[in-house]
Amino acid sequence: MSVASTLARAAAELREGHHRQARQRLHGLLSSRPTDLEVRRRLAEAYRLVEHLDESGRWNYLDEALSPRELAAFERRFRDPARRLAALRWPDPAHNPPPTPLARRRLAALHREATGAAPDWPDHPQDAATPAPHRPRAPKPVRLPYDPADRTPELPPQRSALRLTLALFGALAVLAQAVHLLT
């Protein structure tokens, strides 16, 4: 089957509501053509239809159609840049640039963020030198100092001992009954 006919068949399956089958078909095509941005775009669309934003962000990462919600979901799922880079399944990202400038800049920035080094793309040195975007981290929640008024009052020691004693007697009663039934 040609790429065009495979894409057409996947589109027909999506129209018919066979989302899983279409995604499987597109994954198969992507395994043989991992650098084809059109296949990645179609796979992202298939995941978007079933509202899997993390997966649509994953496969749309190198495309201009990437939405902020998809990007956020993808980054939430793969928090570590090295895991995000691996999740893209781009073959040899250090030496194999994508075909479009936007895709090259995004992959270069992620590669730099994940490895600390720019990719080696002699034909596209400006795109390879793209710095990783600065992403401010959300502030950590502030822990308030301990307030004794918020604390649940402890039971007096006599009550705690009484509860423990009653629990032990209950357990012994159950054990005695079990022994009685076995004999």
Protein backbone atom coordinates (compact mmCIF):
# COMPACT_ATOMS: atom_id res chain seq x y z
CA MET A 1 0.00 0.00 0.00
CA SER A 2 1.32 3.46 -0.86
CA VAL A 3 1.58 6.27 1.67
CA ALA A 4 -1.27 8.17 0.03
CA SER A 5 -3.60 5.15 0.02
CA THR A 6 -2.72 4.34 3.64
CA LEU A 7 -3.48 7.92 4.68
CA ALA A 8 -6.74 7.82 2.71
CA ARG A 9 -7.74 4.53 4.36
CA ALA A 10 -6.96 5.93 7.82
CA ALA A 11 -9.05 9.04 7.05
CA ALA A 12 -11.95 6.83 5.97
CA GLU A 13 -11.66 4.78 9.18
CA LEU A 14 -11.77 7.97 11.23
CA ARG A 15 -14.89 9.15 9.39
CA GLU A 16 -16.51 5.75 10.09
CA GLY A 17 -15.65 6.06 13.79
CA HIS A 18 -12.96 3.36 13.78
CA HIS A 19 -10.50 5.54 15.69
CA ARG A 20 -8.40 2.78 17.17
CA GLN A 21 -7.94 1.01 13.86
CA ALA A 22 -6.98 4.28 12.15
CA ARG A 23 -4.43 5.08 14.86
CA GLN A 24 -2.93 1.60 14.54
CA ARG A 25 -2.67 2.04 10.78
CA LEU A 26 -1.00 5.44 11.21
CA HIS A 27 1.42 4.09 13.84
CA GLY A 28 2.38 1.34 11.39
CA LEU A 29 3.00 3.92 8.68
CA LEU A 30 5.00 6.08 11.10
CA SER A 31 7.23 3.16 12.01
CA SER A 32 8.32 2.90 8.38
CA ARG A 33 8.38 6.69 7.79
CA PRO A 34 9.38 8.28 11.14
CA THR A 35 10.41 11.60 9.60
CA ASP A 36 7.21 12.16 7.61
CA LEU A 37 5.57 15.21 9.21
CA GLU A 38 2.28 14.59 7.38
CA VAL A 39 1.92 11.15 8.97
CA ARG A 40 2.66 12.71 12.37
CA ARG A 41 0.06 15.42 11.73
CA ARG A 42 -2.58 12.85 10.80
CA LEU A 43 -1.77 10.76 13.87
CA ALA A 44 -2.14 13.88 16.04
CA GLU A 45 -5.54 14.55 14.46
CA ALA A 46 -6.64 10.99 15.20
CA TYR A 47 -5.71 11.41 18.86
CA ARG A 48 -7.33 14.84 19.01
CA LEU A 49 -10.64 13.32 17.89
CA VAL A 50 -10.71 11.14 21.01
CA GLU A 51 -9.35 13.97 23.18
CA HIS A 52 -5.99 12.40 24.01
CA LEU A 53 -4.26 15.77 24.17
CA ASP A 54 -0.97 14.36 25.46
CA GLU A 55 -0.68 12.09 22.42
CA SER A 56 -1.86 14.73 19.96
CA GLY A 57 0.75 17.07 21.47
CA ARG A 58 3.36 14.37 21.14
CA TRP A 59 2.76 13.79 17.44
CA ASN A 60 2.04 17.45 16.65
CA TYR A 61 5.10 18.75 18.54
CA LEU A 62 7.03 19.50 15.36
CA ASP A 63 4.05 21.07 13.57
CA GLU A 64 2.64 24.60 13.59
CA ALA A 65 -0.80 23.20 14.49
CA LEU A 66 0.41 22.35 18.01
CA SER A 67 -1.97 24.00 20.45
CA PRO A 68 -0.96 25.29 23.89
CA ARG A 69 -3.27 22.73 25.54
CA GLU A 70 -1.68 19.87 23.61
CA LEU A 71 1.80 21.10 24.46
CA ALA A 72 0.90 21.41 28.15
CA ALA A 73 -0.60 17.90 28.22
CA PHE A 74 2.46 16.43 26.46
CA GLU A 75 4.84 18.19 28.85
CA ARG A 76 2.78 17.09 31.85
CA ARG A 77 2.96 13.46 30.75
CA PHE A 78 6.66 13.57 29.86
CA ARG A 79 8.05 16.02 32.43
CA ASP A 80 11.71 15.29 31.72
CA PRO A 81 13.02 16.81 28.45
CA ALA A 82 15.00 13.63 27.69
CA ARG A 83 11.81 11.57 27.96
CA ARG A 84 9.99 14.05 25.71
CA LEU A 85 12.79 13.81 23.15
CA ALA A 86 12.64 10.00 23.24
CA ALA A 87 8.83 10.05 23.06
CA LEU A 88 8.97 11.94 19.75
CA ARG A 89 10.70 8.92 18.20
CA TRP A 90 12.64 11.10 15.80
CA PRO A 91 15.50 9.01 14.41
CA ASP A 92 18.92 10.34 15.47
CA PRO A 93 17.81 13.87 16.39
CA ALA A 94 21.43 14.94 16.96
CA HIS A 95 22.29 14.41 13.28
CA ASN A 96 18.98 14.14 11.40
CA PRO A 97 17.14 17.49 11.11
CA PRO A 98 13.42 17.71 10.28
CA PRO A 99 12.46 19.13 6.89
CA THR A 100 10.83 22.42 8.02
CA PRO A 101 12.42 25.37 9.84
CA LEU A 102 9.81 25.34 12.62
CA ALA A 103 10.27 21.63 13.23
CA ARG A 104 14.06 22.07 13.22
CA ARG A 105 13.89 24.89 15.76
CA ARG A 106 11.56 22.97 18.07
CA LEU A 107 13.57 19.76 17.87
CA ALA A 108 16.85 21.65 18.36
CA ALA A 109 15.50 23.45 21.43
CA LEU A 110 14.24 20.20 22.94
CA HIS A 111 17.51 18.43 22.09
CA ARG A 112 19.49 21.21 23.79
CA GLU A 113 17.19 21.12 26.83
CA ALA A 114 17.48 17.31 27.07
CA THR A 115 21.19 16.90 26.41
CA GLY A 116 22.75 20.29 27.07
CA ALA A 117 24.24 20.34 23.55
CA ALA A 118 23.09 21.64 20.20
CA PRO A 119 22.41 19.09 17.46
CA ASP A 120 25.01 18.71 14.72
CA TRP A 121 23.19 19.87 11.59
CA PRO A 122 25.81 21.31 9.17
CA ASP A 123 23.16 22.27 6.60
CA HIS A 124 21.07 24.13 9.21
CA PRO A 125 23.45 25.70 11.74
CA GLN A 126 21.11 28.57 12.66
CA ASP A 127 18.21 26.24 13.47
CA ALA A 128 20.52 23.92 15.41
CA ALA A 129 21.75 26.83 17.52
CA THR A 130 18.23 27.71 18.65
CA PRO A 131 18.33 28.14 22.42
CA ALA A 132 15.89 26.27 24.58
CA PRO A 133 12.92 28.47 25.45
CA HIS A 134 12.94 29.77 28.99
CA ARG A 135 9.98 28.30 30.83
CA PRO A 136 9.42 29.77 34.25
CA ARG A 137 8.57 27.16 36.81
CA ALA A 138 5.43 27.51 38.87
CA PRO A 139 6.18 28.58 42.42
CA LYS A 140 6.09 25.88 45.03
CA PRO A 141 3.14 26.05 47.42
CA VAL A 142 3.93 27.87 50.61
CA ARG A 143 3.64 25.83 53.80
CA LEU A 144 2.11 27.79 56.59
CA PRO A 145 3.65 27.55 60.03
CA TYR A 146 2.11 25.10 62.43
CA ASP A 147 -0.99 26.41 64.16
CA PRO A 148 -2.03 24.43 67.28
CA ALA A 149 -5.63 25.60 66.83
CA ASP A 150 -5.87 23.65 63.54
CA ARG A 151 -4.73 20.42 65.12
CA THR A 152 -7.26 17.77 66.06
CA PRO A 153 -7.15 17.33 69.83
CA GLU A 154 -5.50 14.14 71.00
CA LEU A 155 -7.33 11.70 73.21
CA PRO A 156 -6.27 11.59 76.84
CA PRO A 157 -3.92 8.64 77.54
CA GLN A 158 -6.61 6.83 79.58
CA ARG A 159 -9.03 6.86 76.64
CA SER A 160 -6.37 5.63 74.23
CA ALA A 161 -5.51 2.78 76.59
CA LEU A 162 -9.20 1.89 76.97
CA ARG A 163 -9.69 1.77 73.18
CA LEU A 164 -6.61 -0.39 72.76
CA THR A 165 -7.79 -2.78 75.49
CA LEU A 166 -11.25 -3.09 73.95
CA ALA A 167 -9.74 -3.76 70.52
CA LEU A 168 -7.51 -6.49 71.98
CA PHE A 169 -10.42 -8.13 73.79
CA GLY A 170 -12.47 -8.04 70.60
CA ALA A 171 -9.66 -9.69 68.67
CA LEU A 172 -9.28 -12.35 71.37
CA ALA A 173 -13.02 -13.04 71.28
CA VAL A 174 -12.94 -13.53 67.52
CA LEU A 175 -9.90 -15.78 67.82
CA ALA A 176 -11.55 -17.86 70.58
CA GLN A 177 -14.68 -18.28 68.50
CA ALA A 178 -12.61 -19.38 65.49
CA VAL A 179 -10.76 -21.95 67.62
CA HIS A 180 -14.08 -23.20 69.03
CA LEU A 181 -15.49 -23.67 65.51
CA LEU A 182 -12.40 -25.58 64.36
CA THR A 183 -12.54 -28.08 67.24
